Amino acid sequence: MKTIISFLLVFGFAASGSAENKYLEAMTKAIEKQKSASTIEAFFESANTFERISQMEKTEWLPLYYAAHCYIVVSFMEPDNAKKDAVLDKAQQFLDKAFQIAPKESELFTLQAFLYPSRITVDPMTRGMEYIGKMNQALDEAIRLNPDNPRSYYLRAITVLNMPEGFGGGAASAKPIFEVAKQKFDSFQPKTSISPDWGKEQNELEMSKF
């Protein structure tokens, strides 16, 4: 009996490890493909891949995160404002599902903040104040949950950079925040090989303009 139990335990651990390895392998391939995407069609294809992974891994928030990220990037690339809201609605659906799995995840609040500026571009005059407020709330929560998350500082710097100087924005106000973001990026270590790690190159590009 002890032999049988031992065998079942070993088999169970082996099966669990195999499933985890397959998940990591699928995610790694999908992330690499996303990083090489440069067209709307390629990002849609990547989003579909992450969605399929999420359907298999219902307790993992990262596939949903990356699917949402793909749709947000597409929204910034989409030239037709009439189509942007539908793309962003899809991104929000993935984010909402991810929040159900990991409601205290800093990266999800950061990605939520990344979504809101694209909403603004559809109708800046009508949406500006509402979504800037929502973006700042999301960034506040992202920083509260993880003060070392560099992406939240980068997005805050971008927000300040694009605000009128009369409201406390502009390059002079944004520069110190970009510098904080740089410090955070330089010391940042992703939790896993498939954890979010974007933003450093974009932050350095913005700093080079000062």
Protein backbone atom coordinates (compact mmCIF):
# COMPACT_ATOMS: atom_id res chain seq x y z
CA MET A 1 0.00 0.00 0.00
CA LYS A 2 2.81 2.43 0.88
CA THR A 3 4.41 1.72 -2.49
CA ILE A 4 1.17 2.49 -4.31
CA ILE A 5 0.68 5.73 -2.39
CA SER A 6 4.26 6.79 -3.06
CA PHE A 7 3.83 6.07 -6.75
CA LEU A 8 0.63 8.12 -6.91
CA LEU A 9 2.28 11.03 -5.14
CA VAL A 10 5.28 10.98 -7.46
CA PHE A 11 3.02 10.67 -10.49
CA GLY A 12 0.89 13.57 -9.27
CA PHE A 13 3.90 15.83 -8.80
CA ALA A 14 5.28 14.83 -12.19
CA ALA A 15 1.98 15.56 -13.91
CA SER A 16 1.73 18.91 -12.14
CA GLY A 17 5.26 19.83 -13.18
CA SER A 18 4.59 18.82 -16.76
CA ALA A 19 1.46 20.99 -16.91
CA GLU A 20 3.35 23.96 -15.47
CA ASN A 21 6.17 23.50 -17.96
CA LYS A 22 3.69 23.42 -20.85
CA TYR A 23 2.08 26.62 -19.56
CA LEU A 24 5.44 28.39 -19.26
CA GLU A 25 6.49 27.18 -22.69
CA ALA A 26 3.25 28.36 -24.30
CA MET A 27 3.43 31.74 -22.58
CA THR A 28 7.10 32.23 -23.44
CA LYS A 29 6.44 31.58 -27.13
CA ALA A 30 3.39 33.84 -27.12
CA ILE A 31 5.26 36.70 -25.41
CA GLU A 32 8.15 36.48 -27.86
CA LYS A 33 5.69 36.60 -30.73
CA GLN A 34 3.95 39.61 -29.21
CA LYS A 35 7.28 41.43 -28.84
CA SER A 36 7.94 41.03 -32.55
CA ALA A 37 4.45 42.19 -33.57
CA SER A 38 4.31 45.43 -35.53
CA THR A 39 0.87 45.44 -37.18
CA ILE A 40 -2.69 45.45 -35.94
CA GLU A 41 -3.21 42.00 -37.42
CA ALA A 42 -0.16 40.61 -35.63
CA PHE A 43 -1.32 42.00 -32.27
CA PHE A 44 -4.79 40.54 -32.81
CA GLU A 45 -3.19 37.18 -33.52
CA SER A 46 -1.14 37.41 -30.33
CA ALA A 47 -4.23 38.38 -28.33
CA ASN A 48 -6.04 35.31 -29.66
CA THR A 49 -3.13 33.12 -28.57
CA PHE A 50 -3.20 34.53 -25.04
CA GLU A 51 -6.97 34.12 -24.94
CA ARG A 52 -6.66 30.43 -25.82
CA ILE A 53 -4.06 29.98 -23.07
CA SER A 54 -6.34 31.73 -20.58
CA GLN A 55 -9.14 29.32 -21.43
CA MET A 56 -6.86 26.43 -20.52
CA GLU A 57 -5.32 28.13 -17.45
CA LYS A 58 -8.35 29.59 -15.71
CA THR A 59 -6.49 30.45 -12.48
CA GLU A 60 -3.70 32.43 -14.17
CA TRP A 61 -4.02 36.19 -14.64
CA LEU A 62 -1.02 36.70 -16.92
CA PRO A 63 -2.59 35.36 -20.16
CA LEU A 64 -5.50 37.74 -19.64
CA TYR A 65 -3.08 40.58 -18.90
CA TYR A 66 -1.17 40.04 -22.14
CA ALA A 67 -4.36 39.67 -24.18
CA ALA A 68 -5.58 42.99 -22.79
CA HIS A 69 -2.19 44.57 -23.46
CA CYS A 70 -2.38 43.53 -27.12
CA TYR A 71 -5.79 45.14 -27.55
CA ILE A 72 -4.67 48.35 -25.83
CA VAL A 73 -1.68 48.61 -28.17
CA VAL A 74 -4.01 48.05 -31.14
CA SER A 75 -6.25 50.87 -29.90
CA PHE A 76 -3.34 53.32 -30.11
CA MET A 77 -2.51 52.06 -33.61
CA GLU A 78 -6.10 52.16 -34.89
CA PRO A 79 -6.60 55.33 -37.02
CA ASP A 80 -10.40 55.13 -36.96
CA ASN A 81 -11.75 56.54 -33.70
CA ALA A 82 -15.07 54.83 -34.37
CA LYS A 83 -13.37 51.46 -33.93
CA LYS A 84 -11.27 52.28 -30.87
CA ASP A 85 -13.96 51.88 -28.22
CA ALA A 86 -14.83 48.38 -29.41
CA VAL A 87 -11.15 47.39 -29.20
CA LEU A 88 -10.85 48.92 -25.74
CA ASP A 89 -14.05 47.21 -24.60
CA LYS A 90 -12.42 43.90 -25.49
CA ALA A 91 -9.27 44.85 -23.56
CA GLN A 92 -11.41 45.81 -20.56
CA GLN A 93 -13.15 42.44 -20.63
CA PHE A 94 -9.81 40.67 -20.30
CA LEU A 95 -8.72 43.05 -17.56
CA ASP A 96 -11.93 42.51 -15.60
CA LYS A 97 -11.38 38.75 -15.70
CA ALA A 98 -7.76 39.19 -14.60
CA PHE A 99 -8.83 41.39 -11.67
CA GLN A 100 -11.16 38.62 -10.52
CA ILE A 101 -8.15 36.31 -10.26
CA ALA A 102 -5.65 38.83 -8.85
CA PRO A 103 -7.51 41.84 -7.40
CA LYS A 104 -4.40 43.18 -5.64
CA GLU A 105 -1.96 42.93 -8.54
CA SER A 106 -0.06 46.17 -9.20
CA GLU A 107 0.58 45.28 -12.84
CA LEU A 108 -3.14 45.05 -13.53
CA PHE A 109 -3.79 48.52 -12.15
CA THR A 110 -0.88 49.81 -14.22
CA LEU A 111 -2.32 48.26 -17.37
CA GLN A 112 -5.72 49.67 -16.50
CA ALA A 113 -4.09 53.10 -16.34
CA PHE A 114 -2.52 52.45 -19.74
CA LEU A 115 -5.98 51.84 -21.22
CA TYR A 116 -7.56 55.13 -20.20
CA PRO A 117 -5.53 57.55 -22.40
CA SER A 118 -6.72 55.70 -25.48
CA ARG A 119 -10.31 56.25 -24.35
CA ILE A 120 -9.50 59.96 -24.16
CA THR A 121 -8.22 60.11 -27.75
CA VAL A 122 -11.67 59.14 -29.05
CA ASP A 123 -13.16 62.40 -27.71
CA PRO A 124 -10.64 64.50 -25.74
CA MET A 125 -12.95 67.40 -24.92
CA THR A 126 -15.69 65.20 -23.48
CA ARG A 127 -13.61 62.46 -21.90
CA GLY A 128 -10.44 64.20 -20.80
CA MET A 129 -11.21 65.06 -17.18
CA GLU A 130 -13.04 61.82 -16.45
CA TYR A 131 -10.39 59.46 -17.69
CA ILE A 132 -7.41 61.43 -16.43
CA GLY A 133 -8.95 61.11 -12.98
CA LYS A 134 -9.46 57.38 -13.44
CA MET A 135 -5.93 56.96 -14.72
CA ASN A 136 -4.45 58.74 -11.70
CA GLN A 137 -6.55 56.61 -9.34
CA ALA A 138 -5.32 53.43 -11.03
CA LEU A 139 -1.69 54.59 -10.85
CA ASP A 140 -2.06 55.54 -7.19
CA GLU A 141 -3.28 52.04 -6.44
CA ALA A 142 -0.57 50.43 -8.57
CA ILE A 143 2.14 52.32 -6.69
CA ARG A 144 0.52 51.61 -3.32
CA LEU A 145 0.46 47.88 -4.04
CA ASN A 146 4.02 47.85 -5.38
CA PRO A 147 6.13 51.01 -4.94
CA ASP A 148 8.87 49.37 -7.03
CA ASN A 149 6.77 48.83 -10.15
CA PRO A 150 8.56 51.03 -12.73
CA ARG A 151 5.76 50.99 -15.30
CA SER A 152 3.44 52.93 -13.01
CA TYR A 153 5.99 55.74 -12.66
CA TYR A 154 6.63 55.78 -16.40
CA LEU A 155 2.92 56.17 -17.14
CA ARG A 156 2.58 58.87 -14.50
CA ALA A 157 5.47 60.75 -16.11
CA ILE A 158 3.80 60.51 -19.52
CA THR A 159 0.56 61.82 -18.01
CA VAL A 160 2.29 64.80 -16.42
CA LEU A 161 4.28 65.48 -19.59
CA ASN A 162 1.10 65.83 -21.62
CA MET A 163 -0.75 67.99 -19.11
CA PRO A 164 -0.81 71.78 -19.59
CA GLU A 165 1.78 73.60 -17.51
CA GLY A 166 -1.00 75.62 -15.91
CA PHE A 167 -2.27 72.39 -14.35
CA GLY A 168 1.14 71.31 -13.11
CA GLY A 169 2.20 69.46 -16.23
CA GLY A 170 4.87 69.88 -18.87
CA ALA A 171 8.42 68.68 -19.38
CA ALA A 172 9.91 70.32 -16.28
CA SER A 173 7.40 68.61 -14.01
CA ALA A 174 7.60 65.27 -15.80
CA LYS A 175 11.39 64.97 -15.88
CA PRO A 176 11.86 64.06 -12.18
CA ILE A 177 9.21 61.35 -12.51
CA PHE A 178 10.93 59.90 -15.57
CA GLU A 179 14.13 59.85 -13.52
CA VAL A 180 12.41 57.94 -10.71
CA ALA A 181 11.04 55.52 -13.30
CA LYS A 182 14.57 55.01 -14.65
CA GLN A 183 15.85 54.16 -11.18
CA LYS A 184 13.01 51.69 -10.74
CA PHE A 185 13.63 50.11 -14.15
CA ASP A 186 17.36 49.78 -13.47
CA SER A 187 16.74 47.79 -10.28
CA PHE A 188 13.61 45.97 -11.42
CA GLN A 189 13.61 42.16 -11.46
CA PRO A 190 10.54 40.41 -12.95
CA LYS A 191 8.95 37.90 -10.57
CA THR A 192 9.07 35.19 -13.23
CA SER A 193 10.36 34.73 -16.76
CA ILE A 194 6.88 35.58 -18.10
CA SER A 195 6.10 38.55 -15.85
CA PRO A 196 5.59 42.00 -17.44
CA ASP A 197 8.86 43.79 -18.17
CA TRP A 198 7.94 46.43 -20.76
CA GLY A 199 8.50 50.17 -20.53
CA LYS A 200 12.23 50.65 -19.98
CA GLU A 201 13.08 51.47 -23.59
CA GLN A 202 10.10 53.81 -23.86
CA ASN A 203 11.13 55.60 -20.68
CA GLU A 204 14.70 56.04 -21.92
CA LEU A 205 13.41 57.37 -25.23
CA GLU A 206 11.36 60.02 -23.47
CA MET A 207 14.31 61.00 -21.24
CA SER A 208 16.52 61.45 -24.29
CA LYS A 209 14.25 64.26 -25.44
CA PHE A 210 15.09 66.49 -22.47
